[in-house]
Amino acid sequence: MSERNQDQARQLIAAARAAAVHAHAPYSRFAVGAAVLLDDGSMVTGANVENASYGLSLCAETVAIATVSASGRLRRVVAVGVIGGAMDSTGRATGHAPVRPCGRCRQVLNEAAQLSGRDLTVHCAGAEGEAVASYRLSELLPDAFGPSDLGVR
């Protein structure tokens, strides 16, 4: 990974870790944070929000992408950072294993990727530690269905 991409990964992972502090995860006790980098260098973050009706829960990546979309900047997404880990007794996320987006979040990220015309970089890390696994979204979601399949550009 180039030095520029390493710096990008560090910044996104740090922002995702800061966001995970705000996770509302009383049921799974698994906090996730996400940070989305836009083409102007700004970042938007999100944390998972669980609901007693489990199906209504929101993943951190979805929260961040929805916030980007609400500000009219969905086509400006460049890269994403995702972290997660089991919460300890104080509510702090723990663990060193990199956390990757779930299938639903990969599809949500693909919407932004196809609209932006970019194969997004997705940086994944644990709640703690230095290990970062970086992927192209096309690696995580090959042969994706998206706006282009419906004629939307």
C-alpha atoms as a PDB file:
ATOM      1  CA  MET A   1       0.000   0.000   0.000  1.00  0.00           C
ATOM      2  CA  SER A   2       1.359   3.429  -0.897  1.00  0.00           C
ATOM      3  CA  GLU A   3       2.227   5.921   1.825  1.00  0.00           C
ATOM      4  CA  ARG A   4      -0.754   8.060   0.741  1.00  0.00           C
ATOM      5  CA  ASN A   5      -3.126   5.088   1.079  1.00  0.00           C
ATOM      6  CA  GLN A   6      -1.605   4.178   4.453  1.00  0.00           C
ATOM      7  CA  ASP A   7      -2.232   7.727   5.677  1.00  0.00           C
ATOM      8  CA  GLN A   8      -5.790   7.596   4.301  1.00  0.00           C
ATOM      9  CA  ALA A   9      -6.361   4.272   6.083  1.00  0.00           C
ATOM     10  CA  ARG A  10      -5.000   5.617   9.401  1.00  0.00           C
ATOM     11  CA  GLN A  11      -7.243   8.689   9.239  1.00  0.00           C
ATOM     12  CA  LEU A  12     -10.360   6.726   8.328  1.00  0.00           C
ATOM     13  CA  ILE A  13      -9.738   4.067  10.983  1.00  0.00           C
ATOM     14  CA  ALA A  14      -9.147   6.732  13.656  1.00  0.00           C
ATOM     15  CA  ALA A  15     -12.399   8.487  12.688  1.00  0.00           C
ATOM     16  CA  ALA A  16     -14.294   5.162  12.660  1.00  0.00           C
ATOM     17  CA  ARG A  17     -12.943   4.319  16.130  1.00  0.00           C
ATOM     18  CA  ALA A  18     -14.088   7.704  17.419  1.00  0.00           C
ATOM     19  CA  ALA A  19     -17.540   7.103  15.919  1.00  0.00           C
ATOM     20  CA  ALA A  20     -17.844   3.623  17.466  1.00  0.00           C
ATOM     21  CA  VAL A  21     -17.872   5.236  20.920  1.00  0.00           C
ATOM     22  CA  HIS A  22     -21.398   6.393  20.051  1.00  0.00           C
ATOM     23  CA  ALA A  23     -22.691   2.964  19.017  1.00  0.00           C
ATOM     24  CA  HIS A  24     -26.055   2.004  20.462  1.00  0.00           C
ATOM     25  CA  ALA A  25     -25.568  -1.760  20.707  1.00  0.00           C
ATOM     26  CA  PRO A  26     -27.330  -3.000  23.855  1.00  0.00           C
ATOM     27  CA  TYR A  27     -28.387  -6.309  22.257  1.00  0.00           C
ATOM     28  CA  SER A  28     -25.354  -7.578  20.367  1.00  0.00           C
ATOM     29  CA  ARG A  29     -22.830  -5.706  22.552  1.00  0.00           C
ATOM     30  CA  PHE A  30     -20.800  -5.281  19.344  1.00  0.00           C
ATOM     31  CA  ALA A  31     -19.891  -1.683  18.499  1.00  0.00           C
ATOM     32  CA  VAL A  32     -19.135  -0.682  14.911  1.00  0.00           C
ATOM     33  CA  GLY A  33     -17.890   2.641  13.597  1.00  0.00           C
ATOM     34  CA  ALA A  34     -17.553   3.789  10.005  1.00  0.00           C
ATOM     35  CA  ALA A  35     -15.959   6.793   8.336  1.00  0.00           C
ATOM     36  CA  VAL A  36     -16.577   7.852   4.734  1.00  0.00           C
ATOM     37  CA  LEU A  37     -14.008   9.972   2.897  1.00  0.00           C
ATOM     38  CA  LEU A  38     -15.318  12.404   0.280  1.00  0.00           C
ATOM     39  CA  ASP A  39     -13.434  13.791  -2.704  1.00  0.00           C
ATOM     40  CA  ASP A  40     -12.974  17.176  -0.990  1.00  0.00           C
ATOM     41  CA  GLY A  41     -11.112  15.520   1.911  1.00  0.00           C
ATOM     42  CA  SER A  42     -13.983  15.773   4.386  1.00  0.00           C
ATOM     43  CA  MET A  43     -15.186  12.791   6.389  1.00  0.00           C
ATOM     44  CA  VAL A  44     -18.602  11.684   7.563  1.00  0.00           C
ATOM     45  CA  THR A  45     -18.951   9.091  10.322  1.00  0.00           C
ATOM     46  CA  GLY A  46     -21.588   6.730  11.618  1.00  0.00           C
ATOM     47  CA  ALA A  47     -22.071   4.159  14.368  1.00  0.00           C
ATOM     48  CA  ASN A  48     -24.386   1.182  14.532  1.00  0.00           C
ATOM     49  CA  VAL A  49     -27.818   1.779  16.037  1.00  0.00           C
ATOM     50  CA  GLU A  50     -29.632  -1.303  17.276  1.00  0.00           C
ATOM     51  CA  ASN A  51     -33.351  -1.537  17.940  1.00  0.00           C
ATOM     52  CA  ALA A  52     -35.380  -3.867  20.136  1.00  0.00           C
ATOM     53  CA  SER A  53     -37.060  -4.951  16.902  1.00  0.00           C
ATOM     54  CA  TYR A  54     -33.788  -6.358  15.538  1.00  0.00           C
ATOM     55  CA  GLY A  55     -34.650  -5.951  11.866  1.00  0.00           C
ATOM     56  CA  LEU A  56     -34.853  -2.177  12.306  1.00  0.00           C
ATOM     57  CA  SER A  57     -31.211  -1.914  13.409  1.00  0.00           C
ATOM     58  CA  LEU A  58     -28.819   0.155  11.314  1.00  0.00           C
ATOM     59  CA  CYS A  59     -25.212  -0.677  10.532  1.00  0.00           C
ATOM     60  CA  ALA A  60     -22.539   2.001  10.962  1.00  0.00           C
ATOM     61  CA  GLU A  61     -21.752   2.042   7.241  1.00  0.00           C
ATOM     62  CA  THR A  62     -25.413   2.586   6.363  1.00  0.00           C
ATOM     63  CA  VAL A  63     -25.706   5.436   8.884  1.00  0.00           C
ATOM     64  CA  ALA A  64     -22.618   7.144   7.413  1.00  0.00           C
ATOM     65  CA  ILE A  65     -23.711   6.678   3.776  1.00  0.00           C
ATOM     66  CA  ALA A  66     -27.249   7.896   4.570  1.00  0.00           C
ATOM     67  CA  THR A  67     -25.760  11.011   6.178  1.00  0.00           C
ATOM     68  CA  VAL A  68     -23.610  11.594   3.081  1.00  0.00           C
ATOM     69  CA  SER A  69     -26.665  11.161   0.863  1.00  0.00           C
ATOM     70  CA  ALA A  70     -28.759  13.507   3.013  1.00  0.00           C
ATOM     71  CA  SER A  71     -26.172  16.218   2.380  1.00  0.00           C
ATOM     72  CA  GLY A  72     -26.338  15.633  -1.389  1.00  0.00           C
ATOM     73  CA  ARG A  73     -22.836  14.199  -1.670  1.00  0.00           C
ATOM     74  CA  LEU A  74     -23.402  10.508  -2.460  1.00  0.00           C
ATOM     75  CA  ARG A  75     -21.490  10.772  -5.752  1.00  0.00           C
ATOM     76  CA  ARG A  76     -18.422  12.144  -3.936  1.00  0.00           C
ATOM     77  CA  VAL A  77     -17.476   9.070  -1.865  1.00  0.00           C
ATOM     78  CA  VAL A  78     -13.846   7.979  -2.306  1.00  0.00           C
ATOM     79  CA  ALA A  79     -13.055   5.530   0.514  1.00  0.00           C
ATOM     80  CA  VAL A  80     -14.468   3.992   3.683  1.00  0.00           C
ATOM     81  CA  GLY A  81     -13.032   2.884   7.022  1.00  0.00           C
ATOM     82  CA  VAL A  82     -14.803   0.310   9.202  1.00  0.00           C
ATOM     83  CA  ILE A  83     -13.933  -0.943  12.692  1.00  0.00           C
ATOM     84  CA  GLY A  84     -15.754  -3.053  15.213  1.00  0.00           C
ATOM     85  CA  GLY A  85     -15.436  -5.145  18.309  1.00  0.00           C
ATOM     86  CA  ALA A  86     -17.196  -6.674  21.270  1.00  0.00           C
ATOM     87  CA  MET A  87     -18.045  -4.170  23.980  1.00  0.00           C
ATOM     88  CA  ASP A  88     -16.480  -4.595  27.407  1.00  0.00           C
ATOM     89  CA  SER A  89     -18.316  -3.902  30.675  1.00  0.00           C
ATOM     90  CA  THR A  90     -17.731  -0.140  30.255  1.00  0.00           C
ATOM     91  CA  GLY A  91     -19.180  -0.111  26.725  1.00  0.00           C
ATOM     92  CA  ARG A  92     -15.797   0.284  25.012  1.00  0.00           C
ATOM     93  CA  ALA A  93     -15.230  -1.741  21.827  1.00  0.00           C
ATOM     94  CA  THR A  94     -12.401  -4.252  22.073  1.00  0.00           C
ATOM     95  CA  GLY A  95     -10.635  -6.689  19.792  1.00  0.00           C
ATOM     96  CA  HIS A  96      -7.904  -6.676  17.179  1.00  0.00           C
ATOM     97  CA  ALA A  97      -9.405  -8.680  14.300  1.00  0.00           C
ATOM     98  CA  PRO A  98     -10.381  -6.552  11.285  1.00  0.00           C
ATOM     99  CA  VAL A  99     -14.148  -6.206  10.823  1.00  0.00           C
ATOM    100  CA  ARG A 100     -15.514  -6.147   7.284  1.00  0.00           C
ATOM    101  CA  PRO A 101     -18.839  -4.727   6.084  1.00  0.00           C
ATOM    102  CA  CYS A 102     -21.759  -7.146   6.054  1.00  0.00           C
ATOM    103  CA  GLY A 103     -23.393  -8.036   2.731  1.00  0.00           C
ATOM    104  CA  ARG A 104     -26.107  -5.396   3.080  1.00  0.00           C
ATOM    105  CA  CYS A 105     -23.522  -2.696   3.740  1.00  0.00           C
ATOM    106  CA  ARG A 106     -21.442  -3.832   0.786  1.00  0.00           C
ATOM    107  CA  GLN A 107     -24.518  -3.284  -1.380  1.00  0.00           C
ATOM    108  CA  VAL A 108     -25.150   0.150   0.179  1.00  0.00           C
ATOM    109  CA  LEU A 109     -21.502   1.104  -0.450  1.00  0.00           C
ATOM    110  CA  ASN A 110     -21.825  -0.154  -4.020  1.00  0.00           C
ATOM    111  CA  GLU A 111     -24.593   2.365  -4.679  1.00  0.00           C
ATOM    112  CA  ALA A 112     -22.198   5.208  -3.848  1.00  0.00           C
ATOM    113  CA  ALA A 113     -19.372   3.543  -5.770  1.00  0.00           C
ATOM    114  CA  GLN A 114     -21.360   3.158  -8.964  1.00  0.00           C
ATOM    115  CA  LEU A 115     -22.797   6.669  -8.752  1.00  0.00           C
ATOM    116  CA  SER A 116     -19.319   8.126  -8.176  1.00  0.00           C
ATOM    117  CA  GLY A 117     -17.697   6.009 -10.882  1.00  0.00           C
ATOM    118  CA  ARG A 118     -15.079   4.817  -8.375  1.00  0.00           C
ATOM    119  CA  ASP A 119     -14.084   1.387  -7.120  1.00  0.00           C
ATOM    120  CA  LEU A 120     -14.022   2.459  -3.474  1.00  0.00           C
ATOM    121  CA  THR A 121     -11.220   1.485  -1.141  1.00  0.00           C
ATOM    122  CA  VAL A 122     -12.546  -0.120   2.043  1.00  0.00           C
ATOM    123  CA  HIS A 123     -10.134  -0.106   5.016  1.00  0.00           C
ATOM    124  CA  CYS A 124     -11.068  -2.577   7.772  1.00  0.00           C
ATOM    125  CA  ALA A 125      -9.670  -2.869  11.290  1.00  0.00           C
ATOM    126  CA  GLY A 126     -10.489  -4.075  14.758  1.00  0.00           C
ATOM    127  CA  ALA A 127     -11.464  -1.785  17.586  1.00  0.00           C
ATOM    128  CA  GLU A 128      -7.860  -1.874  18.784  1.00  0.00           C
ATOM    129  CA  GLY A 129      -4.437  -2.449  17.322  1.00  0.00           C
ATOM    130  CA  GLU A 130      -2.617  -1.496  14.161  1.00  0.00           C
ATOM    131  CA  ALA A 131      -3.743  -4.237  11.750  1.00  0.00           C
ATOM    132  CA  VAL A 132      -5.634  -2.883   8.738  1.00  0.00           C
ATOM    133  CA  ALA A 133      -6.942  -4.944   5.831  1.00  0.00           C
ATOM    134  CA  SER A 134      -7.658  -2.867   2.721  1.00  0.00           C
ATOM    135  CA  TYR A 135      -9.818  -3.982  -0.196  1.00  0.00           C
ATOM    136  CA  ARG A 136     -11.353  -2.625  -3.356  1.00  0.00           C
ATOM    137  CA  LEU A 137     -15.135  -2.779  -3.023  1.00  0.00           C
ATOM    138  CA  SER A 138     -15.197  -4.876  -6.193  1.00  0.00           C
ATOM    139  CA  GLU A 139     -13.223  -7.545  -4.283  1.00  0.00           C
ATOM    140  CA  LEU A 140     -15.744  -7.568  -1.444  1.00  0.00           C
ATOM    141  CA  LEU A 141     -18.771  -7.515  -3.762  1.00  0.00           C
ATOM    142  CA  PRO A 142     -17.874  -8.979  -7.164  1.00  0.00           C
ATOM    143  CA  ASP A 143     -20.392  -8.703 -10.002  1.00  0.00           C
ATOM    144  CA  ALA A 144     -22.464  -6.244  -7.976  1.00  0.00           C
ATOM    145  CA  PHE A 145     -25.980  -5.161  -8.916  1.00  0.00           C
ATOM    146  CA  GLY A 146     -26.460  -1.424  -8.813  1.00  0.00           C
ATOM    147  CA  PRO A 147     -27.700   1.758 -10.461  1.00  0.00           C
ATOM    148  CA  SER A 148     -26.049   0.967 -13.788  1.00  0.00           C
ATOM    149  CA  ASP A 149     -28.143  -2.212 -14.053  1.00  0.00           C
ATOM    150  CA  LEU A 150     -31.244  -0.005 -13.922  1.00  0.00           C
ATOM    151  CA  GLY A 151     -29.903   2.518 -16.406  1.00  0.00           C
ATOM    152  CA  VAL A 152     -29.100   5.150 -13.754  1.00  0.00           C
ATOM    153  CA  ARG A 153     -25.805   6.986 -14.055  1.00  0.00           C
END
